Amino acid sequence: MELVDIVDENNNLTGEVEDRWVAYEKGKWRRTVSSWIMNKKGEVLLQKRALTKRRTPGKWSKTGGQVDKGESVGEAIFREVKEELGIEISKEQIKVVNIKKNEINRHFSYNYIFVVDYKIEEYTIQKEEVDEVKYVSIEEIEESARKKDERYNFSNWTEEDINREINLLKEKRKEILGE
């Protein structure tokens, strides 16, 4: 059982705690975290969700998960990256890029972008969560999203979501590559 803190529609903690899946099924507001992980070449890491996952199994996505009961969003993203990929992100990098209110799934998603210097073979993936990882270009992500490629978690994003995320990634790539 994974317990999560319940928040209201304005992202304020209510003091209520619920099992993650019960909260989801009841439509209760909660917090999630996700991160784009970019290497020093400006490529983005995607992870293929394990086929045993309850939601979106076998789809390529960015790294993330739920914020557990009593956990800060910074602690949650640090934990998720460590658990799923076997790497640590420096505390200095843990800064929220944006917060998206998802009315459909009723959660507030805290989004991050991390820059790392890991090669694919240096990741230690958590088999219960992730089947494999790969680096792709931002343009590949953009094309897959616009084509609504069902192999990717972001295939159902709105045009606004796609544009916002791609612009964030391109800005970070410019910063990394000094363009």
Protein backbone atom coordinates (compact mmCIF):
# COMPACT_ATOMS: atom_id res chain seq x y z
CA MET A 1 0.00 0.00 0.00
CA GLU A 2 1.32 3.41 -1.00
CA LEU A 3 -0.11 6.23 1.10
CA VAL A 4 -0.36 9.75 -0.31
CA ASP A 5 -1.34 13.09 1.16
CA ILE A 6 -4.59 14.49 -0.22
CA VAL A 7 -4.68 18.12 -1.34
CA ASP A 8 -7.60 20.34 -2.29
CA GLU A 9 -8.25 21.81 -5.74
CA ASN A 10 -5.88 24.68 -4.85
CA ASN A 11 -3.01 22.31 -3.92
CA ASN A 12 -3.32 22.85 -0.17
CA LEU A 13 -2.77 19.86 2.11
CA THR A 14 -6.07 18.73 3.67
CA GLY A 15 -4.61 16.50 6.40
CA GLU A 16 -6.28 13.49 4.78
CA VAL A 17 -4.19 10.47 3.81
CA GLU A 18 -5.33 7.79 1.35
CA ASP A 19 -3.98 4.78 -0.48
CA ARG A 20 -2.64 5.95 -3.84
CA TRP A 21 -5.03 3.86 -5.96
CA VAL A 22 -8.04 4.54 -3.77
CA ALA A 23 -7.35 8.28 -4.07
CA TYR A 24 -7.06 7.90 -7.85
CA GLU A 25 -10.30 5.90 -8.11
CA LYS A 26 -12.18 8.34 -5.85
CA GLY A 27 -10.85 11.31 -7.83
CA LYS A 28 -9.09 12.89 -4.87
CA TRP A 29 -6.45 15.53 -5.53
CA ARG A 30 -2.83 14.55 -4.88
CA ARG A 31 0.70 15.48 -5.92
CA THR A 32 3.00 13.82 -8.42
CA VAL A 33 6.52 14.53 -9.66
CA SER A 34 8.14 14.05 -13.05
CA SER A 35 11.47 14.91 -14.59
CA TRP A 36 13.13 15.23 -17.91
CA ILE A 37 16.70 13.97 -17.61
CA MET A 38 19.08 15.44 -20.17
CA ASN A 39 22.68 14.52 -20.89
CA LYS A 40 25.45 16.96 -21.74
CA LYS A 41 24.82 16.43 -25.48
CA GLY A 42 21.26 17.75 -25.09
CA GLU A 43 19.65 14.32 -25.47
CA VAL A 44 16.73 13.33 -23.26
CA LEU A 45 16.43 10.08 -21.32
CA LEU A 46 13.20 8.16 -21.70
CA GLN A 47 12.29 5.08 -19.73
CA LYS A 48 10.02 2.30 -20.90
CA ARG A 49 7.49 1.49 -18.20
CA ALA A 50 7.44 -2.14 -17.08
CA LEU A 51 4.70 -4.28 -18.64
CA THR A 52 3.48 -5.06 -15.12
CA LYS A 53 2.62 -1.40 -14.40
CA ARG A 54 -1.04 -0.72 -13.67
CA ARG A 55 -1.17 2.45 -15.77
CA THR A 56 0.42 2.90 -19.21
CA PRO A 57 2.48 -0.31 -19.19
CA GLY A 58 5.16 -0.64 -21.87
CA LYS A 59 5.07 3.05 -22.82
CA TRP A 60 8.07 5.33 -23.04
CA SER A 61 7.90 8.23 -20.59
CA LYS A 62 9.88 10.59 -18.46
CA THR A 63 10.81 9.64 -14.90
CA GLY A 64 8.40 10.28 -12.07
CA GLY A 65 5.80 9.07 -9.65
CA GLN A 66 3.64 9.88 -6.65
CA VAL A 67 4.57 12.06 -3.69
CA ASP A 68 4.30 9.77 -0.68
CA LYS A 69 2.65 10.65 2.62
CA GLY A 70 4.73 13.18 4.56
CA GLU A 71 7.20 13.62 1.73
CA SER A 72 8.13 16.92 0.09
CA VAL A 73 8.06 17.13 -3.71
CA GLY A 74 11.85 17.53 -3.72
CA GLU A 75 12.28 14.39 -1.64
CA ALA A 76 9.86 12.55 -3.93
CA ILE A 77 11.68 13.33 -7.18
CA PHE A 78 15.05 12.50 -5.61
CA ARG A 79 13.61 9.14 -4.42
CA GLU A 80 11.92 8.33 -7.75
CA VAL A 81 15.07 8.98 -9.79
CA LYS A 82 17.19 6.95 -7.35
CA GLU A 83 14.72 4.03 -7.23
CA GLU A 84 13.90 3.81 -10.92
CA LEU A 85 17.29 4.67 -12.46
CA GLY A 86 19.82 4.04 -9.71
CA ILE A 87 21.31 7.54 -9.92
CA GLU A 88 21.42 10.49 -7.59
CA ILE A 89 20.62 14.02 -8.62
CA SER A 90 22.51 16.76 -6.83
CA LYS A 91 20.37 18.68 -4.35
CA GLU A 92 21.29 21.91 -6.18
CA GLN A 93 19.44 20.68 -9.29
CA ILE A 94 16.19 19.97 -7.47
CA LYS A 95 14.22 23.02 -8.54
CA VAL A 96 10.66 22.92 -9.83
CA VAL A 97 10.41 24.05 -13.45
CA ASN A 98 6.62 24.25 -13.40
CA ILE A 99 3.52 22.87 -11.71
CA LYS A 100 0.68 21.59 -13.87
CA LYS A 101 -2.84 21.12 -12.56
CA ASN A 102 -4.29 18.02 -14.20
CA GLU A 103 -8.09 18.23 -13.98
CA ILE A 104 -8.67 14.81 -15.57
CA ASN A 105 -6.47 12.71 -13.26
CA ARG A 106 -6.81 15.21 -10.40
CA HIS A 107 -3.23 15.79 -9.46
CA PHE A 108 -0.70 18.59 -9.33
CA SER A 109 2.38 17.53 -11.28
CA TYR A 110 5.67 19.11 -10.26
CA ASN A 111 8.01 19.09 -13.24
CA TYR A 112 11.82 19.12 -13.17
CA ILE A 113 14.68 19.05 -15.68
CA PHE A 114 17.98 17.49 -14.61
CA VAL A 115 21.31 17.51 -16.42
CA VAL A 116 23.41 14.39 -15.93
CA ASP A 117 26.60 12.87 -17.26
CA TYR A 118 25.52 9.21 -17.34
CA LYS A 119 25.80 6.76 -20.20
CA ILE A 120 22.95 4.29 -20.77
CA GLU A 121 24.95 1.40 -19.32
CA GLU A 122 25.49 3.34 -16.07
CA TYR A 123 21.80 3.34 -15.16
CA THR A 124 20.63 0.63 -12.77
CA ILE A 125 16.96 0.27 -13.59
CA GLN A 126 14.35 -0.99 -11.16
CA LYS A 127 12.81 -3.93 -13.03
CA GLU A 128 9.44 -3.58 -11.26
CA GLU A 129 9.11 -0.08 -12.71
CA VAL A 130 11.26 0.14 -15.84
CA ASP A 131 12.05 -2.27 -18.70
CA GLU A 132 14.70 -0.17 -20.46
CA VAL A 133 16.05 3.34 -20.99
CA LYS A 134 17.25 5.25 -24.02
CA TYR A 135 18.42 8.72 -25.01
CA VAL A 136 16.53 10.52 -27.77
CA SER A 137 16.62 13.97 -29.33
CA ILE A 138 14.09 16.61 -28.40
CA GLU A 139 12.96 16.54 -32.02
CA GLU A 140 12.16 12.81 -31.73
CA ILE A 141 10.01 13.52 -28.67
CA GLU A 142 8.29 16.37 -30.46
CA GLU A 143 7.57 14.28 -33.56
CA SER A 144 6.28 11.32 -31.51
CA ALA A 145 3.98 13.58 -29.52
CA ARG A 146 2.61 15.37 -32.58
CA LYS A 147 2.02 12.07 -34.41
CA LYS A 148 0.21 10.75 -31.31
CA ASP A 149 2.53 7.72 -31.30
CA GLU A 150 0.87 5.33 -28.84
CA ARG A 151 4.24 3.90 -27.73
CA TYR A 152 4.83 7.12 -25.78
CA ASN A 153 3.11 8.34 -22.62
CA PHE A 154 2.94 11.85 -24.03
CA SER A 155 0.92 10.75 -27.09
CA ASN A 156 -2.26 12.02 -25.40
CA TRP A 157 -0.90 15.41 -24.36
CA THR A 158 -2.64 18.55 -25.54
CA GLU A 159 -0.93 20.79 -28.08
CA GLU A 160 -0.38 23.30 -25.26
CA ASP A 161 1.34 20.64 -23.10
CA ILE A 162 3.56 19.51 -25.98
CA ASN A 163 4.60 23.07 -26.83
CA ARG A 164 5.32 23.95 -23.20
CA GLU A 165 7.46 20.84 -22.58
CA ILE A 166 9.35 21.04 -25.89
CA ASN A 167 10.12 24.72 -25.29
CA LEU A 168 11.44 23.90 -21.79
CA LEU A 169 13.67 21.17 -23.20
CA LYS A 170 14.98 23.35 -26.03
CA GLU A 171 15.79 26.17 -23.59
CA LYS A 172 17.71 23.75 -21.35
CA ARG A 173 19.56 22.28 -24.35
CA LYS A 174 20.65 25.80 -25.44
CA GLU A 175 21.91 26.45 -21.93
CA ILE A 176 23.88 23.16 -21.84
CA LEU A 177 25.37 23.50 -25.31
CA GLY A 178 26.03 27.22 -24.94
CA GLU A 179 24.01 28.12 -28.04
